[in-house]
Each structure stands twice: as C-alpha cells, then as structure tokens.
Amino acid sequence: MVIPAEVRAALLEHARLEEPNEACGLLLVRDARAERYEPGRNAAASPYRFELEVDPEVWFAEDAGYELAVFHSHLSSPARPSRTDVENIGLWEGRPYVILSLRTGELAAFRIRGRRIDVEPLAPDPG
C-alpha cells in the first residue's frame, strides 16, 4: 500500500491534535493507494485504545470502489498492534490496519485475522 506524503501529513496532524488520546479515522484506498484520510473521533477518549466514530457517509465509499483502512495513533508505543488492538479487532478484522507512533513518527500497516498479525507492506510514493 502507498500512503502519499500529503495523506501521511494529515495522519500526523490529526494524531498531534488528539493528544493525549489516540487519534483514529479511515483511509480511503483504491488500487493499493491511500487517496485520502477521513478523520474520526475516538469515542473512548483514551490514550490506550480507540472506538472509531466517523461520518456515516464515509462507509458508502466502499460502494464507490474504495477499500477502507482503519487508522489510529499510539502515543509512545511502537507502530505495531498492541494486545488491546488484537483483542478488540472486531469490524476491522482482515482490513488494512494502519498505526502511527507519535514517539518515533513511524507509520506501519497490518492485517489482523484472529490472533495472527500480518505486515501490510508500505511502499514509497512514486510521486
């Protein structure tokens, strides 16, 4: 998956705005490229977990051919799924799961199926 610089910047900006809680939202992906980011609200208002609330209209992006990838930030832990992430995967099981570590600036993506975590490679933006 490719996450262009302007989309990465939007993820980072949202994560910083939501401190000290985790930020969350949805990436709209087409042909393995994130075309845009739709910020959500963390209904849990927690630095340790997220409960995504997003404009319901965003869900219809799937009807327009987009794949939805969930995004959230980790304040100080690495950009990899925590035990809480895996245990609460729910609706996001099998979907791209993107995490930004605010501590390091690292961005990584995964797919979680059951307790199995597979890395979803992030490719550089060819421009």
N, C-alpha and C. Protein backbone atom coordinates (compact mmCIF):
# COMPACT_ATOMS: atom_id res chain seq x y z
N MET A 1 0.85 -1.17 0.00
CA MET A 1 0.00 0.00 0.00
C MET A 1 0.89 1.24 0.00
N VAL A 2 0.46 2.25 -0.72
CA VAL A 2 1.17 3.53 -0.75
C VAL A 2 0.34 4.54 0.03
N ILE A 3 0.99 5.25 0.93
CA ILE A 3 0.35 6.35 1.64
C ILE A 3 1.14 7.60 1.28
N PRO A 4 0.62 8.42 0.36
CA PRO A 4 1.34 9.60 -0.11
C PRO A 4 1.66 10.59 1.02
N ALA A 5 2.64 11.44 0.77
CA ALA A 5 3.13 12.39 1.77
C ALA A 5 2.01 13.26 2.33
N GLU A 6 1.10 13.73 1.48
CA GLU A 6 0.04 14.61 1.98
C GLU A 6 -0.94 13.87 2.89
N VAL A 7 -1.15 12.59 2.63
CA VAL A 7 -2.02 11.79 3.50
C VAL A 7 -1.28 11.49 4.81
N ARG A 8 0.00 11.16 4.72
CA ARG A 8 0.79 10.95 5.94
C ARG A 8 0.77 12.21 6.82
N ALA A 9 0.90 13.36 6.20
CA ALA A 9 0.89 14.63 6.94
C ALA A 9 -0.45 14.81 7.66
N ALA A 10 -1.55 14.44 7.00
CA ALA A 10 -2.87 14.55 7.62
C ALA A 10 -2.99 13.61 8.82
N LEU A 11 -2.43 12.41 8.72
CA LEU A 11 -2.45 11.46 9.84
C LEU A 11 -1.69 12.03 11.03
N LEU A 12 -0.50 12.54 10.76
CA LEU A 12 0.34 13.10 11.82
C LEU A 12 -0.33 14.31 12.48
N GLU A 13 -0.89 15.19 11.66
CA GLU A 13 -1.55 16.38 12.20
C GLU A 13 -2.72 15.99 13.10
N HIS A 14 -3.54 15.03 12.65
CA HIS A 14 -4.68 14.60 13.45
C HIS A 14 -4.20 13.96 14.76
N ALA A 15 -3.16 13.12 14.68
CA ALA A 15 -2.64 12.47 15.88
C ALA A 15 -2.15 13.50 16.89
N ARG A 16 -1.47 14.51 16.42
CA ARG A 16 -0.98 15.56 17.33
C ARG A 16 -2.12 16.35 17.95
N LEU A 17 -3.17 16.63 17.16
CA LEU A 17 -4.32 17.38 17.67
C LEU A 17 -5.07 16.61 18.76
N GLU A 18 -5.07 15.28 18.67
CA GLU A 18 -5.83 14.46 19.62
C GLU A 18 -5.06 14.12 20.90
N GLU A 19 -3.76 14.42 20.94
CA GLU A 19 -3.02 14.14 22.17
C GLU A 19 -3.73 14.78 23.35
N PRO A 20 -3.85 14.13 24.49
CA PRO A 20 -3.14 12.92 24.91
C PRO A 20 -3.88 11.62 24.62
N ASN A 21 -4.90 11.66 23.75
CA ASN A 21 -5.62 10.44 23.41
C ASN A 21 -5.19 9.93 22.04
N GLU A 22 -5.51 8.68 21.77
CA GLU A 22 -5.26 8.13 20.45
C GLU A 22 -6.20 8.79 19.45
N ALA A 23 -5.68 9.09 18.28
CA ALA A 23 -6.50 9.59 17.17
C ALA A 23 -6.94 8.38 16.34
N CYS A 24 -8.01 8.53 15.59
CA CYS A 24 -8.45 7.44 14.72
C CYS A 24 -9.26 8.01 13.55
N GLY A 25 -9.30 7.22 12.49
CA GLY A 25 -10.04 7.61 11.31
C GLY A 25 -9.95 6.54 10.24
N LEU A 26 -10.34 6.90 9.03
CA LEU A 26 -10.34 5.94 7.93
C LEU A 26 -9.55 6.49 6.74
N LEU A 27 -8.76 5.60 6.14
CA LEU A 27 -8.08 5.90 4.88
C LEU A 27 -8.93 5.30 3.78
N LEU A 28 -9.12 6.06 2.72
CA LEU A 28 -9.84 5.55 1.55
C LEU A 28 -8.80 5.13 0.53
N VAL A 29 -8.77 3.83 0.24
CA VAL A 29 -7.71 3.22 -0.56
C VAL A 29 -8.31 2.69 -1.87
N ARG A 30 -7.63 3.02 -2.96
CA ARG A 30 -8.03 2.48 -4.26
C ARG A 30 -6.75 2.04 -4.97
N ASP A 31 -6.77 0.82 -5.51
CA ASP A 31 -5.60 0.27 -6.21
C ASP A 31 -4.35 0.36 -5.35
N ALA A 32 -4.49 0.00 -4.07
CA ALA A 32 -3.39 -0.04 -3.10
C ALA A 32 -2.75 1.33 -2.83
N ARG A 33 -3.50 2.41 -3.07
CA ARG A 33 -3.01 3.76 -2.81
C ARG A 33 -4.05 4.51 -1.96
N ALA A 34 -3.61 5.04 -0.82
CA ALA A 34 -4.50 5.82 0.03
C ALA A 34 -4.74 7.17 -0.64
N GLU A 35 -5.98 7.39 -1.06
CA GLU A 35 -6.29 8.63 -1.76
C GLU A 35 -6.62 9.77 -0.82
N ARG A 36 -7.21 9.43 0.35
CA ARG A 36 -7.48 10.49 1.31
C ARG A 36 -7.71 9.90 2.70
N TYR A 37 -7.70 10.80 3.67
CA TYR A 37 -7.92 10.44 5.06
C TYR A 37 -9.16 11.15 5.58
N GLU A 38 -10.03 10.39 6.22
CA GLU A 38 -11.22 10.93 6.86
C GLU A 38 -11.05 10.81 8.37
N PRO A 39 -10.74 11.94 9.04
CA PRO A 39 -10.57 11.87 10.49
C PRO A 39 -11.85 11.44 11.18
N GLY A 40 -11.68 10.66 12.22
CA GLY A 40 -12.81 10.25 13.04
C GLY A 40 -12.68 10.83 14.43
N ARG A 41 -13.53 10.36 15.32
CA ARG A 41 -13.49 10.76 16.71
C ARG A 41 -13.29 9.51 17.54
N ASN A 42 -12.41 9.61 18.52
CA ASN A 42 -12.19 8.50 19.43
C ASN A 42 -13.21 8.60 20.56
N ALA A 43 -14.30 7.85 20.43
CA ALA A 43 -15.37 7.89 21.43
C ALA A 43 -14.89 7.40 22.79
N ALA A 44 -13.81 6.62 22.82
CA ALA A 44 -13.26 6.14 24.09
C ALA A 44 -12.48 7.25 24.80
N ALA A 45 -12.07 8.28 24.06
CA ALA A 45 -11.28 9.38 24.62
C ALA A 45 -10.18 8.83 25.53
N SER A 46 -9.37 7.93 24.96
CA SER A 46 -8.37 7.20 25.74
C SER A 46 -7.00 7.24 25.07
N PRO A 47 -5.94 7.28 25.88
CA PRO A 47 -4.59 7.18 25.32
C PRO A 47 -4.17 5.72 25.06
N TYR A 48 -5.04 4.75 25.40
CA TYR A 48 -4.68 3.34 25.31
C TYR A 48 -5.51 2.53 24.32
N ARG A 49 -6.62 3.07 23.85
CA ARG A 49 -7.47 2.34 22.92
C ARG A 49 -8.33 3.36 22.17
N PHE A 50 -8.98 2.87 21.12
CA PHE A 50 -9.86 3.76 20.36
C PHE A 50 -11.17 3.08 20.04
N GLU A 51 -12.20 3.88 19.93
CA GLU A 51 -13.51 3.47 19.44
C GLU A 51 -13.86 4.48 18.36
N LEU A 52 -13.76 4.07 17.11
CA LEU A 52 -13.92 4.97 15.99
C LEU A 52 -15.36 5.38 15.75
N GLU A 53 -15.57 6.70 15.72
CA GLU A 53 -16.82 7.27 15.24
C GLU A 53 -16.45 8.13 14.04
N VAL A 54 -17.15 7.92 12.93
CA VAL A 54 -16.86 8.64 11.70
C VAL A 54 -18.18 8.99 11.02
N ASP A 55 -18.15 10.00 10.20
CA ASP A 55 -19.35 10.39 9.45
C ASP A 55 -19.87 9.14 8.73
N PRO A 56 -21.13 8.77 8.95
CA PRO A 56 -21.68 7.55 8.33
C PRO A 56 -21.57 7.52 6.80
N GLU A 57 -21.53 8.68 6.18
CA GLU A 57 -21.42 8.74 4.71
C GLU A 57 -20.12 8.11 4.22
N VAL A 58 -19.09 8.12 5.06
CA VAL A 58 -17.78 7.57 4.65
C VAL A 58 -17.90 6.08 4.32
N TRP A 59 -18.79 5.38 5.01
CA TRP A 59 -18.95 3.94 4.76
C TRP A 59 -19.37 3.65 3.34
N PHE A 60 -20.07 4.60 2.70
CA PHE A 60 -20.53 4.39 1.33
C PHE A 60 -19.39 4.47 0.32
N ALA A 61 -18.20 4.88 0.75
CA ALA A 61 -17.04 4.92 -0.14
C ALA A 61 -16.74 3.52 -0.69
N GLU A 62 -17.08 2.48 0.08
CA GLU A 62 -16.88 1.11 -0.41
C GLU A 62 -17.72 0.87 -1.67
N ASP A 63 -18.91 1.45 -1.71
CA ASP A 63 -19.77 1.30 -2.90
C ASP A 63 -19.14 1.97 -4.12
N ALA A 64 -18.27 2.94 -3.89
CA ALA A 64 -17.60 3.65 -4.98
C ALA A 64 -16.25 3.00 -5.33
N GLY A 65 -15.99 1.82 -4.77
CA GLY A 65 -14.78 1.09 -5.13
C GLY A 65 -13.59 1.29 -4.22
N TYR A 66 -13.77 1.97 -3.10
CA TYR A 66 -12.66 2.15 -2.16
C TYR A 66 -12.61 1.00 -1.17
N GLU A 67 -11.41 0.68 -0.73
CA GLU A 67 -11.21 -0.19 0.42
C GLU A 67 -10.99 0.74 1.60
N LEU A 68 -11.62 0.45 2.72
CA LEU A 68 -11.43 1.27 3.91
C LEU A 68 -10.36 0.66 4.79
N ALA A 69 -9.40 1.50 5.18
CA ALA A 69 -8.34 1.08 6.08
C ALA A 69 -8.48 1.89 7.36
N VAL A 70 -8.50 1.22 8.49
CA VAL A 70 -8.61 1.92 9.75
C VAL A 70 -7.24 2.46 10.16
N PHE A 71 -7.23 3.64 10.76
CA PHE A 71 -6.00 4.28 11.24
C PHE A 71 -6.18 4.63 12.71
N HIS A 72 -5.11 4.47 13.46
CA HIS A 72 -5.06 5.07 14.80
C HIS A 72 -3.62 5.32 15.19
N SER A 73 -3.47 6.16 16.19
CA SER A 73 -2.13 6.52 16.66
C SER A 73 -1.83 5.85 17.98
N HIS A 74 -0.54 5.64 18.20
CA HIS A 74 -0.03 5.23 19.50
C HIS A 74 0.82 6.39 20.00
N LEU A 75 0.61 6.78 21.23
CA LEU A 75 1.32 7.95 21.75
C LEU A 75 2.80 7.70 21.96
N SER A 76 3.12 6.60 22.61
CA SER A 76 4.53 6.34 22.89
C SER A 76 4.99 4.94 22.52
N SER A 77 4.07 4.06 22.24
CA SER A 77 4.46 2.69 21.88
C SER A 77 4.75 2.59 20.39
N PRO A 78 5.40 1.51 19.99
CA PRO A 78 5.76 1.34 18.57
C PRO A 78 4.53 1.25 17.66
N ALA A 79 4.78 1.44 16.38
CA ALA A 79 3.73 1.36 15.36
C ALA A 79 3.51 -0.10 15.00
N ARG A 80 2.95 -0.84 15.93
CA ARG A 80 2.56 -2.23 15.70
C ARG A 80 1.38 -2.53 16.62
N PRO A 81 0.55 -3.47 16.25
CA PRO A 81 -0.66 -3.74 17.04
C PRO A 81 -0.33 -4.15 18.47
N SER A 82 -1.02 -3.53 19.39
CA SER A 82 -0.90 -3.90 20.80
C SER A 82 -1.82 -5.08 21.09
N ARG A 83 -1.69 -5.63 22.25
CA ARG A 83 -2.59 -6.71 22.66
C ARG A 83 -4.04 -6.21 22.65
N THR A 84 -4.25 -4.96 23.09
CA THR A 84 -5.58 -4.37 23.07
C THR A 84 -6.11 -4.27 21.65
N ASP A 85 -5.25 -3.87 20.70
CA ASP A 85 -5.67 -3.80 19.30
C ASP A 85 -6.14 -5.16 18.80
N VAL A 86 -5.38 -6.19 19.07
CA VAL A 86 -5.71 -7.54 18.60
C VAL A 86 -7.00 -8.04 19.25
N GLU A 87 -7.12 -7.82 20.55
CA GLU A 87 -8.30 -8.30 21.27
C GLU A 87 -9.57 -7.58 20.85
N ASN A 88 -9.46 -6.33 20.41
CA ASN A 88 -10.63 -5.53 20.05
C ASN A 88 -10.76 -5.33 18.54
N ILE A 89 -10.24 -6.24 17.73
CA ILE A 89 -10.19 -6.04 16.29
C ILE A 89 -11.59 -5.93 15.67
N GLY A 90 -12.53 -6.75 16.11
CA GLY A 90 -13.92 -6.64 15.67
C GLY A 90 -14.10 -6.39 14.18
N LEU A 91 -14.76 -5.29 13.86
CA LEU A 91 -15.09 -4.91 12.49
C LEU A 91 -13.87 -4.78 11.58
N TRP A 92 -12.72 -4.53 12.16
CA TRP A 92 -11.51 -4.26 11.36
C TRP A 92 -10.75 -5.52 11.00
N GLU A 93 -11.23 -6.68 11.42
CA GLU A 93 -10.54 -7.93 11.11
C GLU A 93 -10.39 -8.11 9.60
N GLY A 94 -9.16 -8.35 9.17
CA GLY A 94 -8.86 -8.59 7.77
C GLY A 94 -8.69 -7.34 6.94
N ARG A 95 -9.01 -6.19 7.48
CA ARG A 95 -8.85 -4.93 6.75
C ARG A 95 -7.47 -4.34 7.03
N PRO A 96 -6.99 -3.47 6.15
CA PRO A 96 -5.73 -2.78 6.45
C PRO A 96 -5.87 -1.99 7.76
N TYR A 97 -4.86 -2.10 8.60
CA TYR A 97 -4.87 -1.55 9.95
C TYR A 97 -3.60 -0.73 10.09
N VAL A 98 -3.71 0.59 10.01
CA VAL A 98 -2.55 1.48 9.95
C VAL A 98 -2.33 2.14 11.30
N ILE A 99 -1.07 2.13 11.75
CA ILE A 99 -0.72 2.69 13.06
C ILE A 99 0.43 3.67 12.90
N LEU A 100 0.30 4.81 13.56
CA LEU A 100 1.36 5.82 13.61
C LEU A 100 1.85 5.92 15.05
N SER A 101 3.15 5.80 15.26
CA SER A 101 3.74 6.04 16.57
C SER A 101 4.14 7.51 16.64
N LEU A 102 3.51 8.25 17.54
CA LEU A 102 3.86 9.67 17.69
C LEU A 102 5.27 9.83 18.25
N ARG A 103 5.70 8.88 19.06
CA ARG A 103 7.03 8.97 19.66
C ARG A 103 8.13 8.94 18.61
N THR A 104 7.98 8.07 17.60
CA THR A 104 9.04 7.90 16.61
C THR A 104 8.69 8.44 15.23
N GLY A 105 7.40 8.67 14.98
CA GLY A 105 6.95 9.09 13.66
C GLY A 105 6.80 7.93 12.69
N GLU A 106 7.06 6.71 13.16
CA GLU A 106 6.95 5.52 12.29
C GLU A 106 5.49 5.26 11.93
N LEU A 107 5.27 4.91 10.68
CA LEU A 107 3.95 4.53 10.19
C LEU A 107 4.05 3.11 9.65
N ALA A 108 3.13 2.25 10.05
CA ALA A 108 3.16 0.86 9.62
C ALA A 108 1.73 0.37 9.41
N ALA A 109 1.60 -0.68 8.61
CA ALA A 109 0.28 -1.24 8.32
C ALA A 109 0.30 -2.75 8.50
N PHE A 110 -0.86 -3.28 8.85
CA PHE A 110 -1.01 -4.70 9.15
C PHE A 110 -2.39 -5.17 8.71
N ARG A 111 -2.57 -6.47 8.71
CA ARG A 111 -3.89 -7.09 8.63
C ARG A 111 -3.92 -8.08 9.79
N ILE A 112 -4.99 -8.00 10.56
CA ILE A 112 -5.14 -8.86 11.73
C ILE A 112 -6.31 -9.80 11.48
N ARG A 113 -6.02 -11.09 11.59
CA ARG A 113 -7.05 -12.13 11.42
C ARG A 113 -6.94 -13.05 12.62
N GLY A 114 -7.95 -12.98 13.47
CA GLY A 114 -7.87 -13.75 14.71
C GLY A 114 -6.73 -13.17 15.53
N ARG A 115 -5.79 -14.01 15.91
CA ARG A 115 -4.63 -13.53 16.67
C ARG A 115 -3.40 -13.39 15.77
N ARG A 116 -3.59 -13.64 14.48
CA ARG A 116 -2.49 -13.57 13.53
C ARG A 116 -2.34 -12.14 13.00
N ILE A 117 -1.13 -11.63 13.03
CA ILE A 117 -0.83 -10.28 12.56
C ILE A 117 0.11 -10.39 11.36
N ASP A 118 -0.35 -9.93 10.22
CA ASP A 118 0.47 -9.92 9.01
C ASP A 118 0.84 -8.49 8.66
N VAL A 119 2.10 -8.28 8.32
CA VAL A 119 2.55 -6.96 7.90
C VAL A 119 1.97 -6.65 6.52
N GLU A 120 1.44 -5.47 6.37
CA GLU A 120 0.95 -4.98 5.08
C GLU A 120 2.02 -3.98 4.61
N PRO A 121 2.86 -4.37 3.68
CA PRO A 121 3.99 -3.50 3.32
C PRO A 121 3.53 -2.12 2.81
N LEU A 122 4.26 -1.10 3.27
CA LEU A 122 4.03 0.26 2.80
C LEU A 122 5.14 0.57 1.78
N ALA A 123 4.72 0.89 0.57
CA ALA A 123 5.68 1.20 -0.49
C ALA A 123 5.90 2.71 -0.54
N PRO A 124 7.08 3.13 -1.00
CA PRO A 124 7.31 4.56 -1.15
C PRO A 124 6.41 5.13 -2.23
N ASP A 125 6.05 6.39 -2.05
CA ASP A 125 5.20 7.07 -3.03
C ASP A 125 6.02 7.40 -4.26
N PRO A 126 5.64 6.86 -5.42
CA PRO A 126 6.42 7.12 -6.62
C PRO A 126 6.22 8.54 -7.17
N GLY A 127 5.32 9.29 -6.53
CA GLY A 127 5.13 10.68 -6.96
C GLY A 127 3.89 10.83 -7.62
